Amino acid sequence: MANIDFGTSQEKKTIKSVPKEAHDQYFRVTDQVSEEVWYWAALISIITSALLFSTKKRDWGLFVGQWPPTFLLFGMFHKLLKPSH
């Protein structure tokens, strides 16, 4: 298999630094959010989903009902990978 050169070494460094910059930016934003906020957001979205579903707005209820796992994953991801802990 042939090696393919995709640019200069400076361009390669820039490409490799993108994940680090995204990681740093993520933690700059989420460090301002308490861990409890993610869990409360999940609980509130579950309640909202149930209310929407019971008021015959089933499509909206299903849409909002997909949010809790995302909020919980953000909270867990941040807790596990938080560089300050």
Foldseek 3Di string as FASTA:
>chain_A
DDDDDDDDPVVVVVVVCVVVVVVVVLLVVCVVPDLVVLVVLLVVLLVVLVVCVVVVVNVVSVVSNVCNVVSVVSSVVCVVPVPVD
